[in-house]
C-alpha atoms as a PDB file:
ATOM      1  CA  UNK A   1     192.512   9.595 156.891  1.00  0.00           C
ATOM      2  CA  UNK A   2     190.129   9.338 153.310  1.00  0.00           C
ATOM      3  CA  UNK A   3     192.067  12.095 151.649  1.00  0.00           C
ATOM      4  CA  UNK A   4     195.467  10.278 151.947  1.00  0.00           C
ATOM      5  CA  UNK A   5     193.475   7.188 150.496  1.00  0.00           C
ATOM      6  CA  UNK A   6     192.715   8.755 147.765  1.00  0.00           C
ATOM      7  CA  UNK A   7     195.956  10.348 146.819  1.00  0.00           C
ATOM      8  CA  UNK A   8     197.510   6.913 147.254  1.00  0.00           C
ATOM      9  CA  UNK A   9     194.795   5.136 144.469  1.00  0.00           C
ATOM     10  CA  UNK A  10     195.827   8.002 141.696  1.00  0.00           C
ATOM     11  CA  UNK A  11     199.335   7.223 142.498  1.00  0.00           C
ATOM     12  CA  UNK A  12     198.471   3.816 141.786  1.00  0.00           C
ATOM     13  CA  UNK A  13     196.505   4.249 138.767  1.00  0.00           C
ATOM     14  CA  UNK A  14     198.973   6.253 137.568  1.00  0.00           C
ATOM     15  CA  UNK A  15     202.067   3.824 137.746  1.00  0.00           C
ATOM     16  CA  UNK A  16     199.668   1.225 136.134  1.00  0.00           C
ATOM     17  CA  UNK A  17     198.836   3.410 133.312  1.00  0.00           C
ATOM     18  CA  UNK A  18     202.430   4.367 132.775  1.00  0.00           C
ATOM     19  CA  UNK A  19     203.795   0.617 132.960  1.00  0.00           C
ATOM     20  CA  UNK A  20     201.092  -0.692 130.377  1.00  0.00           C
ATOM     21  CA  UNK A  21     202.451   2.102 128.043  1.00  0.00           C
ATOM     22  CA  UNK A  22     205.903   0.376 128.020  1.00  0.00           C
ATOM     23  CA  UNK A  23     205.106  -3.202 127.777  1.00  0.00           C
ATOM     24  CA  UNK A  24     204.911  -4.858 124.812  1.00  0.00           C
ATOM     25  CA  UNK A  25     201.029  -6.165 124.756  1.00  0.00           C
ATOM     26  CA  UNK A  26     202.048  -9.205 122.339  1.00  0.00           C
ATOM     27  CA  UNK A  27     204.322 -10.314 125.252  1.00  0.00           C
ATOM     28  CA  UNK A  28     202.599 -11.211 128.549  1.00  0.00           C
ATOM     29  CA  UNK A  29     204.329  -9.318 131.413  1.00  0.00           C
ATOM     30  CA  UNK A  30     204.807 -12.843 133.316  1.00  0.00           C
ATOM     31  CA  UNK A  31     206.389 -15.142 130.997  1.00  0.00           C
ATOM     32  CA  UNK A  32     210.456 -14.307 131.520  1.00  0.00           C
ATOM     33  CA  UNK A  33     213.141 -14.267 128.433  1.00  0.00           C
ATOM     34  CA  UNK A  34     215.267 -17.468 128.919  1.00  0.00           C
ATOM     35  CA  UNK A  35     219.033 -15.978 129.377  1.00  0.00           C
ATOM     36  CA  UNK A  36     221.152 -17.152 126.420  1.00  0.00           C
ATOM     37  CA  UNK A  37     224.001 -18.156 126.793  1.00  0.00           C
ATOM     38  CA  UNK A  38     227.010 -16.421 124.725  1.00  0.00           C
ATOM     39  CA  UNK A  39     229.662 -18.764 122.623  1.00  0.00           C
ATOM     40  CA  UNK A  40     233.011 -17.372 121.368  1.00  0.00           C
ATOM     41  CA  UNK A  41     233.023 -17.831 117.552  1.00  0.00           C
ATOM     42  CA  UNK A  42     234.289 -20.723 116.631  1.00  0.00           C
ATOM     43  CA  UNK A  43     236.752 -21.203 113.328  1.00  0.00           C
ATOM     44  CA  UNK A  44     234.550 -22.878 110.657  1.00  0.00           C
ATOM     45  CA  UNK A  45     235.317 -26.583 109.721  1.00  0.00           C
ATOM     46  CA  UNK A  46     235.283 -27.252 105.728  1.00  0.00           C
ATOM     47  CA  UNK A  47     232.222 -29.270 105.902  1.00  0.00           C
ATOM     48  CA  UNK A  48     230.360 -25.778 107.235  1.00  0.00           C
ATOM     49  CA  UNK A  49     232.008 -23.836 104.832  1.00  0.00           C
ATOM     50  CA  UNK A  50     230.811 -25.513 101.699  1.00  0.00           C
ATOM     51  CA  UNK A  51     227.061 -26.047 103.263  1.00  0.00           C
ATOM     52  CA  UNK A  52     227.235 -22.214 103.690  1.00  0.00           C
ATOM     53  CA  UNK A  53     228.426 -21.125 100.237  1.00  0.00           C
ATOM     54  CA  UNK A  54     225.683 -23.843  98.511  1.00  0.00           C
ATOM     55  CA  UNK A  55     223.257 -22.090 101.027  1.00  0.00           C
ATOM     56  CA  UNK A  56     224.213 -18.726  99.731  1.00  0.00           C
ATOM     57  CA  UNK A  57     224.318 -19.355  96.461  1.00  0.00           C
ATOM     58  CA  UNK A  58     220.804 -20.904  96.659  1.00  0.00           C
ATOM     59  CA  UNK A  59     219.562 -18.174  98.158  1.00  0.00           C
ATOM     60  CA  UNK A  60     217.970 -14.853  96.186  1.00  0.00           C
ATOM     61  CA  UNK A  61     219.121 -12.738  99.315  1.00  0.00           C
ATOM     62  CA  UNK A  62     223.063 -14.342  98.384  1.00  0.00           C
ATOM     63  CA  UNK A  63     223.114 -12.387  95.006  1.00  0.00           C
ATOM     64  CA  UNK A  64     224.139  -8.836  94.946  1.00  0.00           C
ATOM     65  CA  UNK A  65     221.844  -8.703  91.294  1.00  0.00           C
ATOM     66  CA  UNK A  66     218.849  -9.841  92.922  1.00  0.00           C
ATOM     67  CA  UNK A  67     216.643  -7.078  93.046  1.00  0.00           C
ATOM     68  CA  UNK A  68     212.916  -8.339  94.939  1.00  0.00           C
ATOM     69  CA  UNK A  69     209.704  -7.311  93.052  1.00  0.00           C
ATOM     70  CA  UNK A  70     207.271  -5.912  94.759  1.00  0.00           C
ATOM     71  CA  UNK A  71     204.686  -5.342  92.057  1.00  0.00           C
ATOM     72  CA  UNK A  72     202.283  -8.253  91.330  1.00  0.00           C
ATOM     73  CA  UNK A  73     202.978 -10.788  88.530  1.00  0.00           C
ATOM     74  CA  UNK A  74     201.511  -9.269  85.035  1.00  0.00           C
ATOM     75  CA  UNK A  75     198.474 -10.945  83.848  1.00  0.00           C
ATOM     76  CA  UNK A  76     198.173 -13.976  82.254  1.00  0.00           C
ATOM     77  CA  UNK A  77     197.128 -13.508  78.030  1.00  0.00           C
ATOM     78  CA  UNK A  78     193.511 -14.813  77.396  1.00  0.00           C
ATOM     79  CA  UNK A  79     193.674 -18.864  77.199  1.00  0.00           C
ATOM     80  CA  UNK A  80     192.127 -19.808  73.888  1.00  0.00           C
ATOM     81  CA  UNK A  81     189.496 -22.640  74.821  1.00  0.00           C
ATOM     82  CA  UNK A  82     190.121 -25.794  71.645  1.00  0.00           C
ATOM     83  CA  UNK A  83     186.317 -26.527  72.728  1.00  0.00           C
ATOM     84  CA  UNK A  84     182.663 -24.972  73.014  1.00  0.00           C
ATOM     85  CA  UNK A  85     181.875 -24.026  76.350  1.00  0.00           C
ATOM     86  CA  UNK A  86     178.003 -24.863  77.220  1.00  0.00           C
ATOM     87  CA  UNK A  87     177.219 -21.780  77.510  1.00  0.00           C
ATOM     88  CA  UNK A  88     177.953 -21.220  73.602  1.00  0.00           C
ATOM     89  CA  UNK A  89     177.192 -24.737  72.848  1.00  0.00           C
ATOM     90  CA  UNK A  90     173.632 -24.121  74.076  1.00  0.00           C
ATOM     91  CA  UNK A  91     172.834 -21.503  71.884  1.00  0.00           C
ATOM     92  CA  UNK A  92     171.628 -22.009  67.990  1.00  0.00           C
ATOM     93  CA  UNK A  93     173.562 -20.264  64.782  1.00  0.00           C
ATOM     94  CA  UNK A  94     171.426 -17.141  62.827  1.00  0.00           C
ATOM     95  CA  UNK A  95     171.761 -17.461  58.995  1.00  0.00           C
ATOM     96  CA  UNK A  96     171.506 -14.542  56.772  1.00  0.00           C
ATOM     97  CA  UNK A  97     168.465 -14.291  54.884  1.00  0.00           C
ATOM     98  CA  UNK A  98     168.406 -14.500  51.052  1.00  0.00           C
ATOM     99  CA  UNK A  99     166.389 -11.560  49.572  1.00  0.00           C
ATOM    100  CA  UNK A 100     164.311 -12.124  46.360  1.00  0.00           C
ATOM    101  CA  UNK A 101     165.957  -9.754  44.424  1.00  0.00           C
ATOM    102  CA  UNK A 102     163.751 -10.373  41.254  1.00  0.00           C
ATOM    103  CA  UNK A 103     160.768  -9.475  43.067  1.00  0.00           C
ATOM    104  CA  UNK A 104     161.768  -7.091  44.886  1.00  0.00           C
ATOM    105  CA  UNK A 105     163.514  -5.267  41.956  1.00  0.00           C
ATOM    106  CA  UNK A 106     159.706  -4.882  40.332  1.00  0.00           C
ATOM    107  CA  UNK A 107     157.734  -4.312  43.931  1.00  0.00           C
ATOM    108  CA  UNK A 108     156.140  -1.235  43.855  1.00  0.00           C
ATOM    109  CA  UNK A 109     157.466  -0.438  47.489  1.00  0.00           C
ATOM    110  CA  UNK A 110     160.614  -1.605  46.929  1.00  0.00           C
ATOM    111  CA  UNK A 111     162.051  -1.046  44.018  1.00  0.00           C
ATOM    112  CA  UNK A 112     163.715   2.374  44.666  1.00  0.00           C
ATOM    113  CA  UNK A 113     165.107   1.063  47.648  1.00  0.00           C
ATOM    114  CA  UNK A 114     166.890  -1.989  45.786  1.00  0.00           C
ATOM    115  CA  UNK A 115     168.355   0.726  43.346  1.00  0.00           C
ATOM    116  CA  UNK A 116     169.601   2.626  45.950  1.00  0.00           C
ATOM    117  CA  UNK A 117     171.297  -0.500  46.935  1.00  0.00           C
ATOM    118  CA  UNK A 118     172.502  -1.560  43.984  1.00  0.00           C
ATOM    119  CA  UNK A 119     174.060   1.886  43.159  1.00  0.00           C
ATOM    120  CA  UNK A 120     175.458   2.020  47.014  1.00  0.00           C
ATOM    121  CA  UNK A 121     177.459  -1.151  45.620  1.00  0.00           C
ATOM    122  CA  UNK A 122     176.756  -3.267  48.782  1.00  0.00           C
ATOM    123  CA  UNK A 123     173.842  -5.809  46.797  1.00  0.00           C
ATOM    124  CA  UNK A 124     175.674  -8.713  48.166  1.00  0.00           C
ATOM    125  CA  UNK A 125     174.246  -7.018  51.833  1.00  0.00           C
ATOM    126  CA  UNK A 126     170.983  -9.167  50.055  1.00  0.00           C
ATOM    127  CA  UNK A 127     172.906 -12.444  51.243  1.00  0.00           C
ATOM    128  CA  UNK A 128     174.427 -13.402  48.010  1.00  0.00           C
ATOM    129  CA  UNK A 129     176.792 -15.750  50.085  1.00  0.00           C
ATOM    130  CA  UNK A 130     175.823 -19.318  50.625  1.00  0.00           C
ATOM    131  CA  UNK A 131     178.569 -21.266  51.834  1.00  0.00           C
ATOM    132  CA  UNK A 132     177.187 -23.891  54.283  1.00  0.00           C
ATOM    133  CA  UNK A 133     177.674 -23.031  58.343  1.00  0.00           C
ATOM    134  CA  UNK A 134     179.616 -24.974  60.770  1.00  0.00           C
ATOM    135  CA  UNK A 135     177.870 -24.529  63.959  1.00  0.00           C
ATOM    136  CA  UNK A 136     180.994 -26.043  66.024  1.00  0.00           C
ATOM    137  CA  UNK A 137     183.190 -22.971  64.169  1.00  0.00           C
ATOM    138  CA  UNK A 138     180.520 -20.229  65.197  1.00  0.00           C
ATOM    139  CA  UNK A 139     180.960 -20.986  68.389  1.00  0.00           C
ATOM    140  CA  UNK A 140     184.497 -21.066  68.583  1.00  0.00           C
ATOM    141  CA  UNK A 141     184.952 -17.822  67.442  1.00  0.00           C
ATOM    142  CA  UNK A 142     182.753 -15.785  69.322  1.00  0.00           C
ATOM    143  CA  UNK A 143     184.184 -17.938  72.473  1.00  0.00           C
ATOM    144  CA  UNK A 144     187.734 -17.280  72.090  1.00  0.00           C
ATOM    145  CA  UNK A 145     186.573 -13.400  70.429  1.00  0.00           C
ATOM    146  CA  UNK A 146     188.669 -10.444  72.208  1.00  0.00           C
ATOM    147  CA  UNK A 147     189.696  -6.995  71.014  1.00  0.00           C
ATOM    148  CA  UNK A 148     193.737  -6.138  71.172  1.00  0.00           C
ATOM    149  CA  UNK A 149     195.312  -3.545  73.458  1.00  0.00           C
ATOM    150  CA  UNK A 150     196.898  -2.466  70.829  1.00  0.00           C
ATOM    151  CA  UNK A 151     194.887  -1.536  68.017  1.00  0.00           C
ATOM    152  CA  UNK A 152     191.484  -0.568  68.982  1.00  0.00           C
ATOM    153  CA  UNK A 153     190.132  -1.479  65.910  1.00  0.00           C
ATOM    154  CA  UNK A 154     190.928  -4.888  65.676  1.00  0.00           C
ATOM    155  CA  UNK A 155     189.433  -7.926  67.026  1.00  0.00           C
ATOM    156  CA  UNK A 156     191.376 -11.521  66.894  1.00  0.00           C
ATOM    157  CA  UNK A 157     189.980 -14.857  67.809  1.00  0.00           C
ATOM    158  CA  UNK A 158     191.655 -18.521  67.300  1.00  0.00           C
ATOM    159  CA  UNK A 159     189.182 -21.490  65.942  1.00  0.00           C
ATOM    160  CA  UNK A 160     191.325 -24.454  66.561  1.00  0.00           C
ATOM    161  CA  UNK A 161     194.832 -23.027  67.510  1.00  0.00           C
ATOM    162  CA  UNK A 162     194.178 -20.978  63.755  1.00  0.00           C
ATOM    163  CA  UNK A 163     194.514 -17.016  64.529  1.00  0.00           C
ATOM    164  CA  UNK A 164     191.376 -14.727  62.987  1.00  0.00           C
ATOM    165  CA  UNK A 165     192.245 -11.288  62.770  1.00  0.00           C
ATOM    166  CA  UNK A 166     189.242  -9.085  62.142  1.00  0.00           C
ATOM    167  CA  UNK A 167     189.344  -5.089  60.779  1.00  0.00           C
ATOM    168  CA  UNK A 168     186.966  -3.107  59.154  1.00  0.00           C
ATOM    169  CA  UNK A 169     189.057  -4.234  55.802  1.00  0.00           C
ATOM    170  CA  UNK A 170     189.057  -7.685  55.995  1.00  0.00           C
ATOM    171  CA  UNK A 171     184.993  -7.626  56.451  1.00  0.00           C
ATOM    172  CA  UNK A 172     185.056  -5.642  53.707  1.00  0.00           C
ATOM    173  CA  UNK A 173     186.417  -8.569  51.474  1.00  0.00           C
ATOM    174  CA  UNK A 174     184.322 -10.936  53.169  1.00  0.00           C
ATOM    175  CA  UNK A 175     180.794  -9.668  53.133  1.00  0.00           C
ATOM    176  CA  UNK A 176     181.846  -7.778  49.332  1.00  0.00           C
ATOM    177  CA  UNK A 177     180.556  -4.221  50.515  1.00  0.00           C
ATOM    178  CA  UNK A 178     183.103  -1.172  50.369  1.00  0.00           C
ATOM    179  CA  UNK A 179     183.955   0.694  53.425  1.00  0.00           C
ATOM    180  CA  UNK A 180     184.867   3.357  51.971  1.00  0.00           C
ATOM    181  CA  UNK A 181     182.653   5.268  49.540  1.00  0.00           C
ATOM    182  CA  UNK A 182     184.449   5.232  45.904  1.00  0.00           C
ATOM    183  CA  UNK A 183     185.386   8.151  44.222  1.00  0.00           C
ATOM    184  CA  UNK A 184     182.561   8.615  41.331  1.00  0.00           C
ATOM    185  CA  UNK A 185     179.881   8.207  44.070  1.00  0.00           C
ATOM    186  CA  UNK A 186     181.184  11.243  46.736  1.00  0.00           C
ATOM    187  CA  UNK A 187     179.121  13.708  45.361  1.00  0.00           C
ATOM    188  CA  UNK A 188     175.946  11.385  45.514  1.00  0.00           C
ATOM    189  CA  UNK A 189     176.048  10.155  48.819  1.00  0.00           C
ATOM    190  CA  UNK A 190     178.027  12.545  51.147  1.00  0.00           C
ATOM    191  CA  UNK A 191     179.486  11.853  54.380  1.00  0.00           C
ATOM    192  CA  UNK A 192     176.933  11.483  57.234  1.00  0.00           C
ATOM    193  CA  UNK A 193     176.386  14.005  59.809  1.00  0.00           C
ATOM    194  CA  UNK A 194     175.646  12.508  62.738  1.00  0.00           C
ATOM    195  CA  UNK A 195     173.510  14.395  65.470  1.00  0.00           C
ATOM    196  CA  UNK A 196     172.033  13.172  68.308  1.00  0.00           C
ATOM    197  CA  UNK A 197     169.574  10.007  68.692  1.00  0.00           C
ATOM    198  CA  UNK A 198     166.790  12.196  69.727  1.00  0.00           C
ATOM    199  CA  UNK A 199     167.387  13.958  66.976  1.00  0.00           C
ATOM    200  CA  UNK A 200     167.542  11.190  64.138  1.00  0.00           C
ATOM    201  CA  UNK A 201     164.394   9.609  66.216  1.00  0.00           C
ATOM    202  CA  UNK A 202     162.580  12.603  65.557  1.00  0.00           C
ATOM    203  CA  UNK A 203     163.205  13.332  62.260  1.00  0.00           C
ATOM    204  CA  UNK A 204     162.422   9.362  61.269  1.00  0.00           C
ATOM    205  CA  UNK A 205     159.561   9.147  63.679  1.00  0.00           C
ATOM    206  CA  UNK A 206     158.102  12.467  63.638  1.00  0.00           C
ATOM    207  CA  UNK A 207     155.882  13.211  66.755  1.00  0.00           C
ATOM    208  CA  UNK A 208     156.113   9.831  67.537  1.00  0.00           C
ATOM    209  CA  UNK A 209     159.162   9.892  68.825  1.00  0.00           C
ATOM    210  CA  UNK A 210     158.170  11.988  71.829  1.00  0.00           C
ATOM    211  CA  UNK A 211     161.913  12.486  72.788  1.00  0.00           C
ATOM    212  CA  UNK A 212     163.122   9.484  73.170  1.00  0.00           C
ATOM    213  CA  UNK A 213     166.705   8.054  71.609  1.00  0.00           C
ATOM    214  CA  UNK A 214     165.294   5.290  69.238  1.00  0.00           C
ATOM    215  CA  UNK A 215     162.799   5.084  67.016  1.00  0.00           C
ATOM    216  CA  UNK A 216     160.038   2.272  67.000  1.00  0.00           C
ATOM    217  CA  UNK A 217     159.519   0.306  63.866  1.00  0.00           C
ATOM    218  CA  UNK A 218     155.833   0.598  63.675  1.00  0.00           C
ATOM    219  CA  UNK A 219     156.133   4.212  62.882  1.00  0.00           C
ATOM    220  CA  UNK A 220     159.364   4.392  60.353  1.00  0.00           C
ATOM    221  CA  UNK A 221     158.423   5.994  56.655  1.00  0.00           C
ATOM    222  CA  UNK A 222     157.707   3.367  53.797  1.00  0.00           C
ATOM    223  CA  UNK A 223     161.005   4.214  52.229  1.00  0.00           C
ATOM    224  CA  UNK A 224     162.523   2.607  55.180  1.00  0.00           C
ATOM    225  CA  UNK A 225     160.847   0.041  55.328  1.00  0.00           C
ATOM    226  CA  UNK A 226     162.629  -2.489  52.892  1.00  0.00           C
ATOM    227  CA  UNK A 227     165.925  -1.312  54.533  1.00  0.00           C
ATOM    228  CA  UNK A 228     164.597  -1.839  58.231  1.00  0.00           C
ATOM    229  CA  UNK A 229     163.881  -5.240  56.946  1.00  0.00           C
ATOM    230  CA  UNK A 230     167.596  -5.664  55.555  1.00  0.00           C
ATOM    231  CA  UNK A 231     169.657  -4.381  58.126  1.00  0.00           C
ATOM    232  CA  UNK A 232     167.741  -6.624  60.893  1.00  0.00           C
ATOM    233  CA  UNK A 233     168.493  -9.661  58.925  1.00  0.00           C
ATOM    234  CA  UNK A 234     171.300  -9.344  58.294  1.00  0.00           C
ATOM    235  CA  UNK A 235     173.441  -6.910  60.146  1.00  0.00           C
ATOM    236  CA  UNK A 236     171.759  -6.207  63.639  1.00  0.00           C
ATOM    237  CA  UNK A 237     170.271 -10.107  64.160  1.00  0.00           C
ATOM    238  CA  UNK A 238     170.991  -9.920  67.801  1.00  0.00           C
ATOM    239  CA  UNK A 239     168.903  -6.438  68.550  1.00  0.00           C
ATOM    240  CA  UNK A 240     165.607  -5.354  69.131  1.00  0.00           C
ATOM    241  CA  UNK A 241     162.540  -6.745  67.488  1.00  0.00           C
ATOM    242  CA  UNK A 242     160.674  -3.117  67.269  1.00  0.00           C
ATOM    243  CA  UNK A 243     163.151  -0.242  68.675  1.00  0.00           C
ATOM    244  CA  UNK A 244     165.487   0.467  66.581  1.00  0.00           C
ATOM    245  CA  UNK A 245     168.455   2.383  68.271  1.00  0.00           C
ATOM    246  CA  UNK A 246     172.605   3.132  68.500  1.00  0.00           C
ATOM    247  CA  UNK A 247     174.073   2.014  65.105  1.00  0.00           C
ATOM    248  CA  UNK A 248     170.751   0.938  63.510  1.00  0.00           C
ATOM    249  CA  UNK A 249     169.206   4.222  64.201  1.00  0.00           C
ATOM    250  CA  UNK A 250     172.001   5.726  62.212  1.00  0.00           C
ATOM    251  CA  UNK A 251     172.283   3.362  59.314  1.00  0.00           C
ATOM    252  CA  UNK A 252     168.656   4.001  58.546  1.00  0.00           C
ATOM    253  CA  UNK A 253     169.107   7.978  59.408  1.00  0.00           C
ATOM    254  CA  UNK A 254     171.848   7.626  56.619  1.00  0.00           C
ATOM    255  CA  UNK A 255     169.347   5.701  54.021  1.00  0.00           C
ATOM    256  CA  UNK A 256     166.980   8.446  54.812  1.00  0.00           C
ATOM    257  CA  UNK A 257     169.371  11.723  54.082  1.00  0.00           C
ATOM    258  CA  UNK A 258     170.693   9.984  51.162  1.00  0.00           C
ATOM    259  CA  UNK A 259     174.361   9.652  53.232  1.00  0.00           C
ATOM    260  CA  UNK A 260     177.570   7.494  52.968  1.00  0.00           C
ATOM    261  CA  UNK A 261     177.278   4.101  55.124  1.00  0.00           C
ATOM    262  CA  UNK A 262     179.939   1.198  55.845  1.00  0.00           C
ATOM    263  CA  UNK A 263     178.012  -1.908  55.854  1.00  0.00           C
ATOM    264  CA  UNK A 264     181.437  -3.741  57.472  1.00  0.00           C
ATOM    265  CA  UNK A 265     181.826  -1.347  59.761  1.00  0.00           C
ATOM    266  CA  UNK A 266     178.733  -1.839  61.218  1.00  0.00           C
ATOM    267  CA  UNK A 267     179.025  -5.787  61.379  1.00  0.00           C
ATOM    268  CA  UNK A 268     182.094  -5.206  63.342  1.00  0.00           C
ATOM    269  CA  UNK A 269     179.898  -2.784  65.932  1.00  0.00           C
ATOM    270  CA  UNK A 270     177.893  -5.874  66.176  1.00  0.00           C
ATOM    271  CA  UNK A 271     180.736  -8.200  67.028  1.00  0.00           C
ATOM    272  CA  UNK A 272     182.303  -5.704  69.162  1.00  0.00           C
ATOM    273  CA  UNK A 273     178.650  -5.308  71.195  1.00  0.00           C
ATOM    274  CA  UNK A 274     178.286  -9.149  71.468  1.00  0.00           C
ATOM    275  CA  UNK A 275     181.670  -9.094  72.692  1.00  0.00           C
ATOM    276  CA  UNK A 276     181.069  -6.215  75.542  1.00  0.00           C
ATOM    277  CA  UNK A 277     177.634  -7.294  76.527  1.00  0.00           C
ATOM    278  CA  UNK A 278     178.058 -11.333  76.250  1.00  0.00           C
ATOM    279  CA  UNK A 279     181.570 -12.788  76.346  1.00  0.00           C
ATOM    280  CA  UNK A 280     183.249 -10.277  78.241  1.00  0.00           C
ATOM    281  CA  UNK A 281     181.062 -10.487  81.446  1.00  0.00           C
ATOM    282  CA  UNK A 282     181.332 -13.638  83.858  1.00  0.00           C
ATOM    283  CA  UNK A 283     177.560 -13.543  83.893  1.00  0.00           C
ATOM    284  CA  UNK A 284     176.621 -12.332  80.179  1.00  0.00           C
ATOM    285  CA  UNK A 285     173.100 -10.946  79.671  1.00  0.00           C
ATOM    286  CA  UNK A 286     170.176 -13.995  78.247  1.00  0.00           C
ATOM    287  CA  UNK A 287     171.200 -14.162  74.246  1.00  0.00           C
ATOM    288  CA  UNK A 288     169.174 -16.824  71.828  1.00  0.00           C
ATOM    289  CA  UNK A 289     171.693 -17.028  68.749  1.00  0.00           C
ATOM    290  CA  UNK A 290     174.961 -15.989  67.702  1.00  0.00           C
ATOM    291  CA  UNK A 291     174.455 -14.563  64.262  1.00  0.00           C
ATOM    292  CA  UNK A 292     176.123 -13.830  61.013  1.00  0.00           C
ATOM    293  CA  UNK A 293     176.798 -17.903  60.655  1.00  0.00           C
ATOM    294  CA  UNK A 294     177.447 -17.540  56.446  1.00  0.00           C
ATOM    295  CA  UNK A 295     179.986 -14.322  57.202  1.00  0.00           C
ATOM    296  CA  UNK A 296     181.528 -16.459  59.697  1.00  0.00           C
ATOM    297  CA  UNK A 297     182.521 -19.387  57.015  1.00  0.00           C
ATOM    298  CA  UNK A 298     183.352 -16.944  54.365  1.00  0.00           C
ATOM    299  CA  UNK A 299     186.068 -15.089  57.039  1.00  0.00           C
ATOM    300  CA  UNK A 300     187.340 -18.559  57.598  1.00  0.00           C
ATOM    301  CA  UNK A 301     187.803 -19.198  54.133  1.00  0.00           C
ATOM    302  CA  UNK A 302     189.745 -15.820  53.217  1.00  0.00           C
ATOM    303  CA  UNK A 303     191.852 -15.799  56.299  1.00  0.00           C
ATOM    304  CA  UNK A 304     193.265 -19.639  54.519  1.00  0.00           C
ATOM    305  CA  UNK A 305     191.379 -22.093  57.525  1.00  0.00           C
ATOM    306  CA  UNK A 306     192.149 -25.485  56.960  1.00  0.00           C
ATOM    307  CA  UNK A 307     188.452 -27.147  57.173  1.00  0.00           C
ATOM    308  CA  UNK A 308     188.560 -31.009  58.272  1.00  0.00           C
ATOM    309  CA  UNK A 309     186.737 -33.366  56.198  1.00  0.00           C
ATOM    310  CA  UNK A 310     185.039 -34.341  59.409  1.00  0.00           C
ATOM    311  CA  UNK A 311     183.187 -30.795  60.303  1.00  0.00           C
ATOM    312  CA  UNK A 312     179.569 -31.425  60.007  1.00  0.00           C
ATOM    313  CA  UNK A 313     178.494 -28.209  57.978  1.00  0.00           C
ATOM    314  CA  UNK A 314     173.980 -27.029  58.339  1.00  0.00           C
ATOM    315  CA  UNK A 315     173.445 -26.777  54.589  1.00  0.00           C
ATOM    316  CA  UNK A 316     169.591 -24.754  55.651  1.00  0.00           C
ATOM    317  CA  UNK A 317     169.132 -21.353  54.221  1.00  0.00           C
ATOM    318  CA  UNK A 318     166.747 -18.478  55.300  1.00  0.00           C
ATOM    319  CA  UNK A 319     164.451 -16.848  52.410  1.00  0.00           C
ATOM    320  CA  UNK A 320     162.941 -13.450  52.418  1.00  0.00           C
ATOM    321  CA  UNK A 321     160.231 -13.864  49.931  1.00  0.00           C
ATOM    322  CA  UNK A 322     157.065 -12.148  49.117  1.00  0.00           C
ATOM    323  CA  UNK A 323     154.716 -13.745  51.327  1.00  0.00           C
ATOM    324  CA  UNK A 324     156.744 -12.624  54.021  1.00  0.00           C
ATOM    325  CA  UNK A 325     157.115  -9.464  53.232  1.00  0.00           C
ATOM    326  CA  UNK A 326     153.314  -9.069  53.312  1.00  0.00           C
ATOM    327  CA  UNK A 327     153.391 -11.036  57.082  1.00  0.00           C
ATOM    328  CA  UNK A 328     155.890  -7.606  57.966  1.00  0.00           C
END
């Protein structure tokens, strides 16, 4: 008897599983569909024809040339703001240091460095540009700074709706330093062969590098101290205080080996690094100040920016004299 009960239970379970597979789980079985009354088609009236034609013209499916796009809408271009954001307006603007050329050109430890800078034609790196600094314009300059997708060697920004294009050639005219080596100096200053950072650090600091990819300021040769002071105060203004790495290390190695060095290319790389580390990120790294106060004023003047009388400039300057040299 129990054998027949077991067989009946198995058959009942199989029937229940088949019923669950055939039924739609989204529609409960206890809900019955209401019968639909089928009415014969009627000829539409004139009002209904007008209504149906109006609906067809308004709907996109009625247009035979309409093809729905499944791709997302194109990204909107970056919006250029007209007011400085709080995270920029809280930052101070750094000035380029003005070096005492009369003293350093006669001092025993720096006269050869000044003579080398003069022969290279980059004497303007000692901050001979003393235009007033406009903090609001500097904030707007870096806030709207963007690289271009068509030309990777170009940066663009807008200041009060005025477009500004930044390439190496424009920086060369603004900072008054040549980008390419003049033909008469190509034999004196050959093109730099860029080895690895570890090799350059070891060449500049010797055994003190210990395989690092950066050089420490205190272990540099005496001949590079003045070059380091000029680059740190007028080009790599947002770099590390003691460690020299990346393009800063390459620039020191170029001075050490007597190779050609492009100051406009270094300034462009600093602006690009400032964009990648601070401007383009939602949570940027902590920055203490914005560099190139005098240079940005010169860039705006070269690209015909209309300065307004209501702008409040800062006429302060930063000098580097004998007392500052003795402190370093």
